[in-house]
C-alpha atoms as a PDB file:
ATOM      1  CA  UNK A   1       9.215  92.881 -77.938  1.00  0.00           C
ATOM      2  CA  UNK A   2      12.107  91.829 -75.440  1.00  0.00           C
ATOM      3  CA  UNK A   3      11.564  94.426 -72.322  1.00  0.00           C
ATOM      4  CA  UNK A   4       8.036  96.082 -71.526  1.00  0.00           C
ATOM      5  CA  UNK A   5       8.305  99.749 -72.111  1.00  0.00           C
ATOM      6  CA  UNK A   6       7.831 102.925 -70.570  1.00  0.00           C
ATOM      7  CA  UNK A   7       7.466 106.176 -72.421  1.00  0.00           C
ATOM      8  CA  UNK A   8       7.820 109.317 -69.641  1.00  0.00           C
ATOM      9  CA  UNK A   9       6.813 112.638 -70.921  1.00  0.00           C
ATOM     10  CA  UNK A  10       8.122 115.744 -68.725  1.00  0.00           C
ATOM     11  CA  UNK A  11       6.967 118.475 -69.262  1.00  0.00           C
ATOM     12  CA  UNK A  12       7.164 122.289 -67.967  1.00  0.00           C
ATOM     13  CA  UNK A  13       5.119 122.473 -64.898  1.00  0.00           C
ATOM     14  CA  UNK A  14       7.192 122.672 -61.429  1.00  0.00           C
ATOM     15  CA  UNK A  15       7.866 119.451 -60.241  1.00  0.00           C
ATOM     16  CA  UNK A  16      10.531 117.784 -62.506  1.00  0.00           C
ATOM     17  CA  UNK A  17      11.772 115.332 -59.586  1.00  0.00           C
ATOM     18  CA  UNK A  18       9.154 113.261 -60.167  1.00  0.00           C
ATOM     19  CA  UNK A  19      10.295 112.759 -64.134  1.00  0.00           C
ATOM     20  CA  UNK A  20      13.923 112.216 -62.996  1.00  0.00           C
ATOM     21  CA  UNK A  21      12.706 110.125 -59.667  1.00  0.00           C
ATOM     22  CA  UNK A  22      10.493 107.641 -61.954  1.00  0.00           C
ATOM     23  CA  UNK A  23      13.329 107.225 -64.573  1.00  0.00           C
ATOM     24  CA  UNK A  24      15.467 106.431 -62.093  1.00  0.00           C
ATOM     25  CA  UNK A  25      13.231 103.837 -60.867  1.00  0.00           C
ATOM     26  CA  UNK A  26      12.658 102.022 -63.947  1.00  0.00           C
ATOM     27  CA  UNK A  27      16.255 101.561 -64.133  1.00  0.00           C
ATOM     28  CA  UNK A  28      16.623  99.827 -61.087  1.00  0.00           C
ATOM     29  CA  UNK A  29      13.373  97.624 -61.534  1.00  0.00           C
ATOM     30  CA  UNK A  30      14.931  96.241 -64.023  1.00  0.00           C
ATOM     31  CA  UNK A  31      13.536  94.381 -67.447  1.00  0.00           C
ATOM     32  CA  UNK A  32      11.666  98.296 -68.637  1.00  0.00           C
ATOM     33  CA  UNK A  33      12.735  99.805 -71.058  1.00  0.00           C
ATOM     34  CA  UNK A  34      12.197 103.892 -70.775  1.00  0.00           C
ATOM     35  CA  UNK A  35      11.405 106.255 -73.588  1.00  0.00           C
ATOM     36  CA  UNK A  36      11.888 110.184 -72.581  1.00  0.00           C
ATOM     37  CA  UNK A  37      10.685 113.184 -74.355  1.00  0.00           C
ATOM     38  CA  UNK A  38      10.924 116.828 -72.490  1.00  0.00           C
ATOM     39  CA  UNK A  39       9.676 119.427 -73.409  1.00  0.00           C
ATOM     40  CA  UNK A  40      12.081 123.053 -73.768  1.00  0.00           C
ATOM     41  CA  UNK A  41      10.214 124.312 -70.351  1.00  0.00           C
ATOM     42  CA  UNK A  42      10.852 120.351 -69.075  1.00  0.00           C
ATOM     43  CA  UNK A  43      14.748 121.082 -69.499  1.00  0.00           C
ATOM     44  CA  UNK A  44      14.343 123.979 -68.133  1.00  0.00           C
ATOM     45  CA  UNK A  45      12.957 123.075 -65.105  1.00  0.00           C
ATOM     46  CA  UNK A  46      15.424 120.328 -64.511  1.00  0.00           C
ATOM     47  CA  UNK A  47      17.925 122.621 -65.072  1.00  0.00           C
ATOM     48  CA  UNK A  48      16.633 125.169 -62.149  1.00  0.00           C
ATOM     49  CA  UNK A  49      14.897 122.641 -59.633  1.00  0.00           C
ATOM     50  CA  UNK A  50      17.696 119.795 -59.348  1.00  0.00           C
ATOM     51  CA  UNK A  51      20.654 121.673 -61.017  1.00  0.00           C
ATOM     52  CA  UNK A  52      20.885 118.870 -63.899  1.00  0.00           C
ATOM     53  CA  UNK A  53      22.228 118.871 -66.927  1.00  0.00           C
ATOM     54  CA  UNK A  54      20.727 117.455 -70.367  1.00  0.00           C
ATOM     55  CA  UNK A  55      23.250 114.594 -70.807  1.00  0.00           C
ATOM     56  CA  UNK A  56      22.249 113.798 -66.669  1.00  0.00           C
ATOM     57  CA  UNK A  57      19.049 113.364 -67.807  1.00  0.00           C
ATOM     58  CA  UNK A  58      19.079 111.822 -70.782  1.00  0.00           C
ATOM     59  CA  UNK A  59      21.684 109.092 -69.325  1.00  0.00           C
ATOM     60  CA  UNK A  60      18.281 108.335 -66.677  1.00  0.00           C
ATOM     61  CA  UNK A  61      16.667 106.721 -70.043  1.00  0.00           C
ATOM     62  CA  UNK A  62      17.210 103.648 -71.933  1.00  0.00           C
ATOM     63  CA  UNK A  63      16.050 106.402 -74.766  1.00  0.00           C
ATOM     64  CA  UNK A  64      15.860 109.958 -75.474  1.00  0.00           C
ATOM     65  CA  UNK A  65      13.378 111.377 -78.309  1.00  0.00           C
ATOM     66  CA  UNK A  66      13.140 114.756 -79.272  1.00  0.00           C
ATOM     67  CA  UNK A  67      10.403 116.966 -79.019  1.00  0.00           C
ATOM     68  CA  UNK A  68       9.958 117.617 -82.335  1.00  0.00           C
ATOM     69  CA  UNK A  69      10.595 114.390 -83.830  1.00  0.00           C
ATOM     70  CA  UNK A  70       6.914 113.901 -84.215  1.00  0.00           C
ATOM     71  CA  UNK A  71       7.877 110.380 -86.149  1.00  0.00           C
ATOM     72  CA  UNK A  72       9.777 108.862 -83.904  1.00  0.00           C
ATOM     73  CA  UNK A  73       9.091 105.708 -82.247  1.00  0.00           C
ATOM     74  CA  UNK A  74       6.667 106.501 -80.248  1.00  0.00           C
ATOM     75  CA  UNK A  75       4.513 108.250 -82.432  1.00  0.00           C
ATOM     76  CA  UNK A  76       3.186 104.489 -83.507  1.00  0.00           C
ATOM     77  CA  UNK A  77       0.535 103.070 -82.552  1.00  0.00           C
ATOM     78  CA  UNK A  78       2.780  99.924 -83.442  1.00  0.00           C
ATOM     79  CA  UNK A  79       5.620 100.894 -80.592  1.00  0.00           C
ATOM     80  CA  UNK A  80       3.779  98.347 -77.989  1.00  0.00           C
ATOM     81  CA  UNK A  81       4.264 100.138 -74.560  1.00  0.00           C
ATOM     82  CA  UNK A  82       2.798  99.676 -70.765  1.00  0.00           C
ATOM     83  CA  UNK A  83       1.645 103.155 -71.278  1.00  0.00           C
ATOM     84  CA  UNK A  84       2.835 106.642 -70.469  1.00  0.00           C
ATOM     85  CA  UNK A  85       3.562 109.055 -67.645  1.00  0.00           C
ATOM     86  CA  UNK A  86       3.985 113.002 -67.369  1.00  0.00           C
ATOM     87  CA  UNK A  87       5.685 113.998 -64.540  1.00  0.00           C
ATOM     88  CA  UNK A  88       4.950 116.801 -64.286  1.00  0.00           C
ATOM     89  CA  UNK A  89       1.787 117.348 -66.172  1.00  0.00           C
ATOM     90  CA  UNK A  90       1.486 121.057 -66.663  1.00  0.00           C
ATOM     91  CA  UNK A  91      -1.747 122.877 -67.718  1.00  0.00           C
ATOM     92  CA  UNK A  92      -1.021 123.224 -71.427  1.00  0.00           C
ATOM     93  CA  UNK A  93       0.129 120.072 -71.903  1.00  0.00           C
ATOM     94  CA  UNK A  94      -3.010 118.600 -70.274  1.00  0.00           C
ATOM     95  CA  UNK A  95      -5.041 121.031 -72.457  1.00  0.00           C
ATOM     96  CA  UNK A  96      -3.641 119.848 -75.704  1.00  0.00           C
ATOM     97  CA  UNK A  97      -3.484 116.165 -74.431  1.00  0.00           C
ATOM     98  CA  UNK A  98      -7.447 116.873 -73.391  1.00  0.00           C
ATOM     99  CA  UNK A  99      -8.306 118.456 -76.605  1.00  0.00           C
ATOM    100  CA  UNK A 100      -6.116 115.994 -79.082  1.00  0.00           C
ATOM    101  CA  UNK A 101      -3.609 118.825 -80.165  1.00  0.00           C
ATOM    102  CA  UNK A 102      -0.480 116.496 -81.294  1.00  0.00           C
ATOM    103  CA  UNK A 103       1.516 119.054 -81.276  1.00  0.00           C
ATOM    104  CA  UNK A 104       4.672 117.931 -80.505  1.00  0.00           C
ATOM    105  CA  UNK A 105       5.809 114.249 -80.010  1.00  0.00           C
ATOM    106  CA  UNK A 106       5.188 114.580 -76.013  1.00  0.00           C
ATOM    107  CA  UNK A 107       0.821 115.498 -76.961  1.00  0.00           C
ATOM    108  CA  UNK A 108       1.329 113.836 -79.718  1.00  0.00           C
ATOM    109  CA  UNK A 109       2.824 110.671 -77.778  1.00  0.00           C
ATOM    110  CA  UNK A 110      -0.130 110.539 -75.034  1.00  0.00           C
ATOM    111  CA  UNK A 111      -2.319 110.469 -78.309  1.00  0.00           C
ATOM    112  CA  UNK A 112      -1.161 107.744 -79.573  1.00  0.00           C
ATOM    113  CA  UNK A 113      -1.301 106.222 -75.677  1.00  0.00           C
ATOM    114  CA  UNK A 114      -5.580 107.162 -75.117  1.00  0.00           C
ATOM    115  CA  UNK A 115      -6.059 106.031 -78.890  1.00  0.00           C
ATOM    116  CA  UNK A 116      -5.223 102.199 -78.490  1.00  0.00           C
ATOM    117  CA  UNK A 117      -6.096 102.754 -75.215  1.00  0.00           C
ATOM    118  CA  UNK A 118      -3.081 102.081 -72.867  1.00  0.00           C
ATOM    119  CA  UNK A 119      -2.665 103.813 -69.650  1.00  0.00           C
ATOM    120  CA  UNK A 120      -2.409 107.259 -69.192  1.00  0.00           C
ATOM    121  CA  UNK A 121      -1.133 108.741 -66.153  1.00  0.00           C
ATOM    122  CA  UNK A 122      -0.849 112.232 -66.128  1.00  0.00           C
ATOM    123  CA  UNK A 123       0.845 113.993 -62.098  1.00  0.00           C
ATOM    124  CA  UNK A 124      -0.697 117.329 -63.680  1.00  0.00           C
ATOM    125  CA  UNK A 125       0.436 120.165 -61.469  1.00  0.00           C
ATOM    126  CA  UNK A 126      -0.747 123.464 -60.549  1.00  0.00           C
ATOM    127  CA  UNK A 127      -2.536 125.232 -57.434  1.00  0.00           C
ATOM    128  CA  UNK A 128      -4.532 126.516 -57.485  1.00  0.00           C
ATOM    129  CA  UNK A 129      -7.366 125.522 -60.101  1.00  0.00           C
ATOM    130  CA  UNK A 130      -9.643 127.522 -62.361  1.00  0.00           C
ATOM    131  CA  UNK A 131     -12.770 125.709 -64.415  1.00  0.00           C
ATOM    132  CA  UNK A 132     -10.837 125.335 -67.002  1.00  0.00           C
ATOM    133  CA  UNK A 133      -8.216 123.053 -65.349  1.00  0.00           C
ATOM    134  CA  UNK A 134     -10.719 121.332 -63.819  1.00  0.00           C
ATOM    135  CA  UNK A 135     -12.654 120.868 -67.200  1.00  0.00           C
ATOM    136  CA  UNK A 136      -9.819 119.618 -69.134  1.00  0.00           C
ATOM    137  CA  UNK A 137      -8.968 116.653 -66.406  1.00  0.00           C
ATOM    138  CA  UNK A 138     -12.230 115.778 -66.764  1.00  0.00           C
ATOM    139  CA  UNK A 139     -12.290 115.799 -70.397  1.00  0.00           C
ATOM    140  CA  UNK A 140      -8.637 113.929 -70.275  1.00  0.00           C
ATOM    141  CA  UNK A 141     -10.059 111.180 -67.364  1.00  0.00           C
ATOM    142  CA  UNK A 142     -13.716 110.980 -69.586  1.00  0.00           C
ATOM    143  CA  UNK A 143     -10.390 109.923 -72.528  1.00  0.00           C
ATOM    144  CA  UNK A 144      -9.054 107.523 -70.626  1.00  0.00           C
ATOM    145  CA  UNK A 145      -5.899 109.064 -68.710  1.00  0.00           C
ATOM    146  CA  UNK A 146      -5.812 109.020 -65.149  1.00  0.00           C
ATOM    147  CA  UNK A 147      -5.137 112.338 -63.665  1.00  0.00           C
ATOM    148  CA  UNK A 148      -2.789 111.747 -60.475  1.00  0.00           C
ATOM    149  CA  UNK A 149      -1.719 115.347 -58.923  1.00  0.00           C
ATOM    150  CA  UNK A 150       1.723 114.384 -56.663  1.00  0.00           C
ATOM    151  CA  UNK A 151      -0.694 115.204 -53.725  1.00  0.00           C
ATOM    152  CA  UNK A 152       1.596 114.277 -50.139  1.00  0.00           C
ATOM    153  CA  UNK A 153       0.504 111.626 -48.165  1.00  0.00           C
ATOM    154  CA  UNK A 154       1.304 112.330 -44.668  1.00  0.00           C
ATOM    155  CA  UNK A 155       0.025 108.686 -42.959  1.00  0.00           C
ATOM    156  CA  UNK A 156       3.629 107.357 -43.893  1.00  0.00           C
ATOM    157  CA  UNK A 157       4.629 109.628 -42.135  1.00  0.00           C
ATOM    158  CA  UNK A 158       7.230 111.136 -44.304  1.00  0.00           C
ATOM    159  CA  UNK A 159      10.385 112.733 -43.116  1.00  0.00           C
ATOM    160  CA  UNK A 160      11.834 114.010 -46.455  1.00  0.00           C
ATOM    161  CA  UNK A 161      11.327 115.301 -49.365  1.00  0.00           C
ATOM    162  CA  UNK A 162      12.440 112.306 -51.146  1.00  0.00           C
ATOM    163  CA  UNK A 163      10.163 110.383 -49.277  1.00  0.00           C
ATOM    164  CA  UNK A 164       7.254 112.808 -50.544  1.00  0.00           C
ATOM    165  CA  UNK A 165       8.217 112.503 -53.311  1.00  0.00           C
ATOM    166  CA  UNK A 166       8.819 108.468 -53.762  1.00  0.00           C
ATOM    167  CA  UNK A 167       4.955 108.322 -52.571  1.00  0.00           C
ATOM    168  CA  UNK A 168       4.187 110.218 -55.538  1.00  0.00           C
ATOM    169  CA  UNK A 169       5.767 108.004 -57.831  1.00  0.00           C
ATOM    170  CA  UNK A 170       4.848 104.900 -56.197  1.00  0.00           C
ATOM    171  CA  UNK A 171       1.662 105.492 -56.851  1.00  0.00           C
ATOM    172  CA  UNK A 172       2.489 106.199 -60.866  1.00  0.00           C
ATOM    173  CA  UNK A 173       4.468 102.567 -61.084  1.00  0.00           C
ATOM    174  CA  UNK A 174       0.920 101.078 -59.650  1.00  0.00           C
ATOM    175  CA  UNK A 175      -1.277 102.844 -62.325  1.00  0.00           C
ATOM    176  CA  UNK A 176       0.844 101.632 -64.597  1.00  0.00           C
ATOM    177  CA  UNK A 177       1.133  97.907 -62.758  1.00  0.00           C
ATOM    178  CA  UNK A 178       4.888  97.802 -62.262  1.00  0.00           C
ATOM    179  CA  UNK A 179       6.293  95.697 -59.035  1.00  0.00           C
ATOM    180  CA  UNK A 180       8.339  97.513 -57.120  1.00  0.00           C
ATOM    181  CA  UNK A 181       9.458  98.082 -53.449  1.00  0.00           C
ATOM    182  CA  UNK A 182       9.611 101.646 -53.274  1.00  0.00           C
ATOM    183  CA  UNK A 183       6.823 102.440 -50.456  1.00  0.00           C
ATOM    184  CA  UNK A 184       5.838 101.139 -47.489  1.00  0.00           C
ATOM    185  CA  UNK A 185       2.253  99.521 -48.144  1.00  0.00           C
ATOM    186  CA  UNK A 186      -0.578 100.527 -46.158  1.00  0.00           C
ATOM    187  CA  UNK A 187      -0.687  98.047 -43.624  1.00  0.00           C
ATOM    188  CA  UNK A 188      -4.459  99.253 -42.219  1.00  0.00           C
ATOM    189  CA  UNK A 189      -5.429 100.231 -38.362  1.00  0.00           C
ATOM    190  CA  UNK A 190      -6.692  98.893 -35.822  1.00  0.00           C
ATOM    191  CA  UNK A 191     -10.704  99.787 -35.253  1.00  0.00           C
ATOM    192  CA  UNK A 192      -9.654 101.956 -32.009  1.00  0.00           C
ATOM    193  CA  UNK A 193      -6.513 103.333 -33.223  1.00  0.00           C
END
């Protein structure tokens, strides 16, 4: 394998900006081959929330896979990756992953990442949560996924939406073990602060 690989899934929850920004950062970091798979609702949200056309989004990835192509490279455990991030991860996609319903390429790729014991990071998006959402997060966690809802952190004193997005994208990169300088690391506070 010439470059490290990361699969990026974008599903239909609000927050398409997280997936797009993650793809931008993987390109900027370099040395990481990005593989993108987007649900139909994900494409709709990219257009609605970000005014991005399909070709604009596809240009951010090294390789784009059709959601219906369950025979794609990323559907096989022999396709070595650092892992996968689903950003954002809808509750429908979470449910399919938690229950092994590999019914499209996005959920199949996530299932493969789990069975191969690789990192699966789910930027789950919904609020408020009902009991089935919580149980599906618990099940996905028990299977080895990391549920990482994109929650704003205010200790870095963000002043733009972009800085809030970057914080969550930085967390996803950290969870995959990918070095970056997207955000300033917490230096700590003195005891009397």
